[in-house]
């Protein structure tokens, strides 16, 4: 995690010097290369190869998250940026929902644990997407106005955009909330509500499905309301549901957690879109 934190400084500087499409393709290839490490790691039973694979894969993930979300906001009318990011992020929610089921079938075969197979499948998919992106006519989005951009300029100009400044804080709280929910979800249901392992896992899958569904619905909702209103209403709903879960211990708390998943679904893309709204050349 510390290594990835350090990458957040050079990655924007790399992106600003290159076109967005190039950065996305590079991210896919790095991600795929990281997945490849799991094959020798499996064959050699090497813990260090696993770590190297995870670290390399994560580098690709950092570049992708920074480049792809900003790229999505630039591909069209600025007024629809939040809807486009919600559309992009909704597909990641689909992955969260279906991958546990598919990966389990691929990994467990009798007494054998073939954990490298999902990574092989991901690697092939990433390479295919990179090739399709290379052959496509997607715009490059090279911003000539910031050719001499540097780290000092990035920090200095960021202080001029208050919605970007506060958006960073909002995003940090969101990430902490979602990571905490996912991390404690199963253990909470097992220890407090006495759910079984399978029951807890099923509720977690439903949580991700609800987040997926609401992510797609948010695309429609944002046609009729502003992004900041959606964040406010959904945020208050999350606080209310958390309050009920904290002060009560009833068998319906699992359902409330699923409902929280629905309210959290559109949060990341909407906050991201609001934070980088109307930044003009500084969007990159």
Protein backbone atom coordinates (compact mmCIF):
# COMPACT_ATOMS: atom_id res chain seq x y z
CA UNK A 1 0.00 0.00 0.00
CA UNK A 2 2.85 2.39 0.76
CA UNK A 3 4.36 1.68 -2.66
CA UNK A 4 1.03 2.41 -4.36
CA UNK A 5 0.73 5.63 -2.36
CA UNK A 6 4.06 6.77 -3.79
CA UNK A 7 2.78 6.01 -7.30
CA UNK A 8 0.00 8.57 -6.93
CA UNK A 9 2.59 11.33 -7.43
CA UNK A 10 4.25 10.18 -10.69
CA UNK A 11 1.12 8.70 -12.29
CA UNK A 12 -0.60 12.08 -12.93
CA UNK A 13 2.68 13.44 -14.29
CA UNK A 14 2.92 10.46 -16.66
CA UNK A 15 -0.67 10.89 -17.79
CA UNK A 16 -0.25 14.60 -18.44
CA UNK A 17 2.69 13.88 -20.78
CA UNK A 18 0.87 11.11 -22.67
CA UNK A 19 -2.54 10.73 -24.21
CA UNK A 20 -5.34 9.22 -22.15
CA UNK A 21 -5.86 6.28 -24.50
CA UNK A 22 -2.17 5.39 -24.33
CA UNK A 23 -2.27 5.41 -20.52
CA UNK A 24 -5.32 3.16 -20.46
CA UNK A 25 -3.67 0.66 -22.81
CA UNK A 26 -0.46 0.75 -20.75
CA UNK A 27 -2.48 0.12 -17.60
CA UNK A 28 -4.13 -2.93 -19.16
CA UNK A 29 -0.77 -4.40 -20.20
CA UNK A 30 0.83 -3.79 -16.78
CA UNK A 31 -2.22 -5.29 -15.11
CA UNK A 32 -2.04 -8.35 -17.39
CA UNK A 33 1.70 -8.74 -16.70
CA UNK A 34 0.97 -8.75 -12.97
CA UNK A 35 -1.62 -11.50 -13.44
CA UNK A 36 0.98 -13.58 -15.29
CA UNK A 37 3.12 -13.84 -12.12
CA UNK A 38 0.45 -16.01 -10.51
CA UNK A 39 1.22 -18.91 -12.88
CA UNK A 40 4.87 -19.43 -11.79
CA UNK A 41 3.75 -18.53 -8.27
CA UNK A 42 1.30 -21.41 -8.37
CA UNK A 43 3.73 -23.86 -9.99
CA UNK A 44 6.60 -22.96 -7.63
CA UNK A 45 4.43 -22.27 -4.58
CA UNK A 46 6.25 -18.95 -4.17
CA UNK A 47 4.80 -16.38 -1.79
CA UNK A 48 7.14 -13.69 -3.15
CA UNK A 49 5.93 -14.21 -6.71
CA UNK A 50 2.37 -13.76 -5.45
CA UNK A 51 3.34 -10.47 -3.81
CA UNK A 52 5.14 -9.32 -6.96
CA UNK A 53 2.09 -10.19 -9.04
CA UNK A 54 -0.27 -8.32 -6.70
CA UNK A 55 2.02 -5.27 -6.63
CA UNK A 56 2.41 -5.17 -10.42
CA UNK A 57 -1.31 -5.68 -10.94
CA UNK A 58 -2.00 -2.86 -8.50
CA UNK A 59 0.25 -0.47 -10.44
CA UNK A 60 -1.91 -1.08 -13.49
CA UNK A 61 -4.98 -0.55 -11.34
CA UNK A 62 -3.75 2.81 -10.04
CA UNK A 63 -3.02 4.07 -13.56
CA UNK A 64 -6.37 2.79 -14.79
CA UNK A 65 -8.36 4.41 -12.00
CA UNK A 66 -6.67 7.77 -12.52
CA UNK A 67 -6.74 7.75 -16.32
CA UNK A 68 -10.00 5.98 -17.19
CA UNK A 69 -12.31 7.95 -14.91
CA UNK A 70 -10.94 11.29 -16.10
CA UNK A 71 -11.06 10.01 -19.70
CA UNK A 72 -14.74 9.15 -19.28
CA UNK A 73 -15.55 12.68 -18.13
CA UNK A 74 -13.89 14.16 -21.22
CA UNK A 75 -15.64 11.87 -23.74
CA UNK A 76 -18.66 14.05 -24.36
CA UNK A 77 -20.67 16.93 -22.97
CA UNK A 78 -19.37 18.13 -19.57
CA UNK A 79 -22.98 18.19 -18.32
CA UNK A 80 -23.15 14.40 -18.64
CA UNK A 81 -19.79 13.63 -17.00
CA UNK A 82 -21.28 12.27 -13.77
CA UNK A 83 -23.66 9.99 -15.70
CA UNK A 84 -20.80 8.64 -17.83
CA UNK A 85 -18.66 7.82 -14.78
CA UNK A 86 -21.65 6.13 -13.14
CA UNK A 87 -22.06 4.07 -16.30
CA UNK A 88 -18.37 3.08 -16.22
CA UNK A 89 -18.37 2.28 -12.52
CA UNK A 90 -21.60 0.27 -12.77
CA UNK A 91 -19.72 -2.31 -14.83
CA UNK A 92 -17.11 -2.69 -12.09
CA UNK A 93 -20.02 -3.41 -9.73
CA UNK A 94 -21.16 -6.14 -12.11
CA UNK A 95 -17.69 -7.63 -11.74
CA UNK A 96 -17.86 -7.46 -7.95
CA UNK A 97 -21.17 -9.33 -8.04
CA UNK A 98 -20.37 -12.16 -10.47
CA UNK A 99 -16.64 -12.77 -9.96
CA UNK A 100 -16.96 -14.52 -6.55
CA UNK A 101 -19.27 -17.11 -8.13
CA UNK A 102 -17.21 -17.61 -11.29
CA UNK A 103 -13.84 -17.57 -9.50
CA UNK A 104 -15.01 -20.13 -6.93
CA UNK A 105 -15.94 -22.56 -9.70
CA UNK A 106 -12.57 -22.03 -11.37
CA UNK A 107 -10.46 -22.22 -8.21
CA UNK A 108 -11.93 -25.21 -6.38
CA UNK A 109 -11.84 -28.57 -8.13
CA UNK A 110 -12.17 -31.29 -5.52
CA UNK A 111 -9.23 -31.03 -3.14
CA UNK A 112 -7.17 -29.00 -5.63
CA UNK A 113 -7.02 -25.21 -5.31
CA UNK A 114 -6.25 -23.68 -8.71
CA UNK A 115 -6.18 -20.02 -7.75
CA UNK A 116 -4.08 -19.06 -10.78
CA UNK A 117 -6.85 -19.79 -13.30
CA UNK A 118 -8.94 -16.65 -12.64
CA UNK A 119 -5.80 -14.54 -13.09
CA UNK A 120 -5.09 -16.24 -16.42
CA UNK A 121 -8.62 -15.45 -17.57
CA UNK A 122 -8.25 -11.82 -16.43
CA UNK A 123 -4.89 -11.55 -18.19
CA UNK A 124 -6.32 -12.72 -21.53
CA UNK A 125 -9.30 -10.37 -21.19
CA UNK A 126 -7.05 -7.40 -20.44
CA UNK A 127 -4.81 -8.08 -23.43
CA UNK A 128 -7.87 -8.36 -25.67
CA UNK A 129 -9.26 -5.05 -24.40
CA UNK A 130 -5.89 -3.33 -24.91
CA UNK A 131 -5.73 -4.58 -28.51
CA UNK A 132 -9.30 -3.46 -29.22
CA UNK A 133 -8.57 -0.03 -27.74
CA UNK A 134 -5.43 0.26 -29.90
CA UNK A 135 -7.42 -0.57 -33.04
CA UNK A 136 -10.33 1.70 -32.18
CA UNK A 137 -10.81 5.31 -33.26
CA UNK A 138 -11.30 6.59 -29.71
CA UNK A 139 -10.03 10.18 -29.33
CA UNK A 140 -6.61 10.58 -27.71
CA UNK A 141 -7.55 13.61 -25.57
CA UNK A 142 -4.04 15.09 -25.65
CA UNK A 143 -4.17 18.48 -23.95
CA UNK A 144 -1.62 20.74 -25.56
CA UNK A 145 -2.27 23.57 -23.05
CA UNK A 146 -0.42 21.76 -20.29
CA UNK A 147 2.71 20.54 -22.08
CA UNK A 148 4.99 22.09 -19.42
CA UNK A 149 3.00 20.81 -16.48
CA UNK A 150 4.93 19.82 -13.35
CA UNK A 151 4.34 18.64 -9.79
CA UNK A 152 4.52 22.12 -8.25
CA UNK A 153 2.01 23.47 -10.76
CA UNK A 154 -0.35 20.59 -9.99
CA UNK A 155 -0.44 21.33 -6.25
CA UNK A 156 -0.52 25.11 -6.70
CA UNK A 157 -3.41 25.19 -9.14
CA UNK A 158 -5.38 22.59 -7.18
CA UNK A 159 -5.77 25.12 -4.36
CA UNK A 160 -7.70 27.40 -6.74
CA UNK A 161 -10.56 24.89 -7.14
CA UNK A 162 -12.49 24.58 -3.88
CA UNK A 163 -14.81 21.82 -5.14
CA UNK A 164 -11.74 19.74 -6.05
CA UNK A 165 -10.21 20.36 -2.61
CA UNK A 166 -13.36 19.30 -0.72
CA UNK A 167 -14.01 16.51 -3.21
CA UNK A 168 -10.73 14.90 -2.14
CA UNK A 169 -11.93 14.82 1.47
CA UNK A 170 -15.35 13.49 0.49
CA UNK A 171 -13.72 10.75 -1.59
CA UNK A 172 -11.39 9.73 1.25
CA UNK A 173 -14.36 9.31 3.61
CA UNK A 174 -16.28 7.36 0.97
CA UNK A 175 -13.38 4.96 0.33
CA UNK A 176 -12.92 4.41 4.08
CA UNK A 177 -16.64 3.71 4.51
CA UNK A 178 -16.92 1.24 1.65
CA UNK A 179 -13.71 -0.59 2.52
CA UNK A 180 -14.84 -0.90 6.14
CA UNK A 181 -18.26 -2.23 5.14
CA UNK A 182 -16.77 -4.84 2.81
CA UNK A 183 -14.11 -5.80 5.34
CA UNK A 184 -16.47 -6.28 8.28
CA UNK A 185 -19.58 -7.40 6.37
CA UNK A 186 -19.26 -11.17 6.78
CA UNK A 187 -17.74 -11.10 10.26
CA UNK A 188 -20.52 -8.76 11.47
CA UNK A 189 -23.30 -11.01 10.19
CA UNK A 190 -21.61 -14.11 11.62
CA UNK A 191 -20.77 -12.77 15.07
CA UNK A 192 -23.66 -10.37 15.72
CA UNK A 193 -26.54 -11.86 13.72
CA UNK A 194 -25.21 -15.45 13.82
CA UNK A 195 -25.37 -16.00 10.06
CA UNK A 196 -23.70 -19.05 8.50
CA UNK A 197 -20.69 -18.69 6.18
CA UNK A 198 -22.82 -19.33 3.10
CA UNK A 199 -25.56 -17.01 4.32
CA UNK A 200 -23.12 -14.18 4.98
CA UNK A 201 -21.48 -14.64 1.57
CA UNK A 202 -24.90 -14.61 -0.11
CA UNK A 203 -25.79 -11.32 1.57
CA UNK A 204 -22.45 -9.84 0.47
CA UNK A 205 -23.23 -10.86 -3.12
CA UNK A 206 -26.67 -9.24 -2.81
CA UNK A 207 -24.96 -6.12 -1.42
CA UNK A 208 -22.84 -5.89 -4.57
CA UNK A 209 -25.83 -6.62 -6.82
CA UNK A 210 -27.80 -3.81 -5.16
CA UNK A 211 -24.84 -1.44 -5.64
CA UNK A 212 -24.74 -2.48 -9.32
CA UNK A 213 -28.45 -1.92 -9.88
CA UNK A 214 -28.39 1.48 -8.18
CA UNK A 215 -25.30 2.45 -10.18
CA UNK A 216 -27.28 1.99 -13.40
CA UNK A 217 -30.36 3.70 -11.94
CA UNK A 218 -28.19 6.68 -10.96
CA UNK A 219 -27.57 7.32 -14.66
CA UNK A 220 -31.30 7.97 -15.02
CA UNK A 221 -31.64 9.82 -11.69
CA UNK A 222 -28.87 12.24 -12.66
CA UNK A 223 -30.90 13.31 -15.69
CA UNK A 224 -33.43 14.87 -13.35
CA UNK A 225 -31.36 16.05 -10.39
CA UNK A 226 -27.92 17.44 -9.66
CA UNK A 227 -25.05 15.25 -8.52
CA UNK A 228 -24.56 17.12 -5.25
CA UNK A 229 -28.21 16.50 -4.33
CA UNK A 230 -27.84 12.77 -5.01
CA UNK A 231 -24.74 12.61 -2.80
CA UNK A 232 -26.55 14.52 -0.03
CA UNK A 233 -29.72 12.40 -0.07
CA UNK A 234 -27.90 9.10 -0.36
CA UNK A 235 -25.36 10.13 2.28
CA UNK A 236 -28.11 10.97 4.77
CA UNK A 237 -29.75 7.63 3.99
CA UNK A 238 -26.53 5.78 4.71
CA UNK A 239 -26.11 7.60 8.04
CA UNK A 240 -29.69 6.74 9.01
CA UNK A 241 -29.30 3.05 8.15
CA UNK A 242 -25.98 2.84 9.97
CA UNK A 243 -27.62 4.38 13.03
CA UNK A 244 -30.32 1.70 13.04
CA UNK A 245 -27.73 -1.07 12.64
CA UNK A 246 -25.56 0.29 15.45
CA UNK A 247 -28.32 0.69 18.06
CA UNK A 248 -30.31 -2.44 17.20
CA UNK A 249 -29.57 -6.13 16.89
CA UNK A 250 -32.26 -7.68 14.75
CA UNK A 251 -32.31 -10.23 11.91
CA UNK A 252 -33.10 -7.49 9.39
CA UNK A 253 -29.74 -5.77 9.75
CA UNK A 254 -28.40 -7.85 6.88
CA UNK A 255 -31.09 -6.37 4.66
CA UNK A 256 -30.16 -2.89 5.85
CA UNK A 257 -26.55 -3.56 4.87
CA UNK A 258 -27.73 -4.55 1.40
CA UNK A 259 -29.69 -1.28 1.24
CA UNK A 260 -26.51 0.61 2.21
CA UNK A 261 -24.81 -1.07 -0.74
CA UNK A 262 -27.43 0.43 -3.02
CA UNK A 263 -26.91 3.91 -1.60
CA UNK A 264 -23.12 3.59 -1.83
CA UNK A 265 -23.24 2.38 -5.45
CA UNK A 266 -23.38 5.80 -7.17
CA UNK A 267 -21.21 7.60 -4.58
CA UNK A 268 -17.72 7.09 -6.05
CA UNK A 269 -18.48 8.14 -9.64
CA UNK A 270 -20.70 11.04 -8.59
CA UNK A 271 -18.22 12.47 -6.08
CA UNK A 272 -15.42 12.01 -8.63
CA UNK A 273 -17.43 13.81 -11.31
CA UNK A 274 -18.33 16.67 -8.98
CA UNK A 275 -14.72 17.09 -7.84
CA UNK A 276 -13.30 17.50 -11.36
CA UNK A 277 -16.25 19.43 -12.78
CA UNK A 278 -15.42 22.62 -14.73
CA UNK A 279 -11.65 22.33 -14.31
CA UNK A 280 -11.09 22.97 -18.04
CA UNK A 281 -7.42 22.32 -18.91
CA UNK A 282 -6.65 21.31 -15.33
CA UNK A 283 -8.88 18.23 -15.63
CA UNK A 284 -5.93 16.24 -16.97
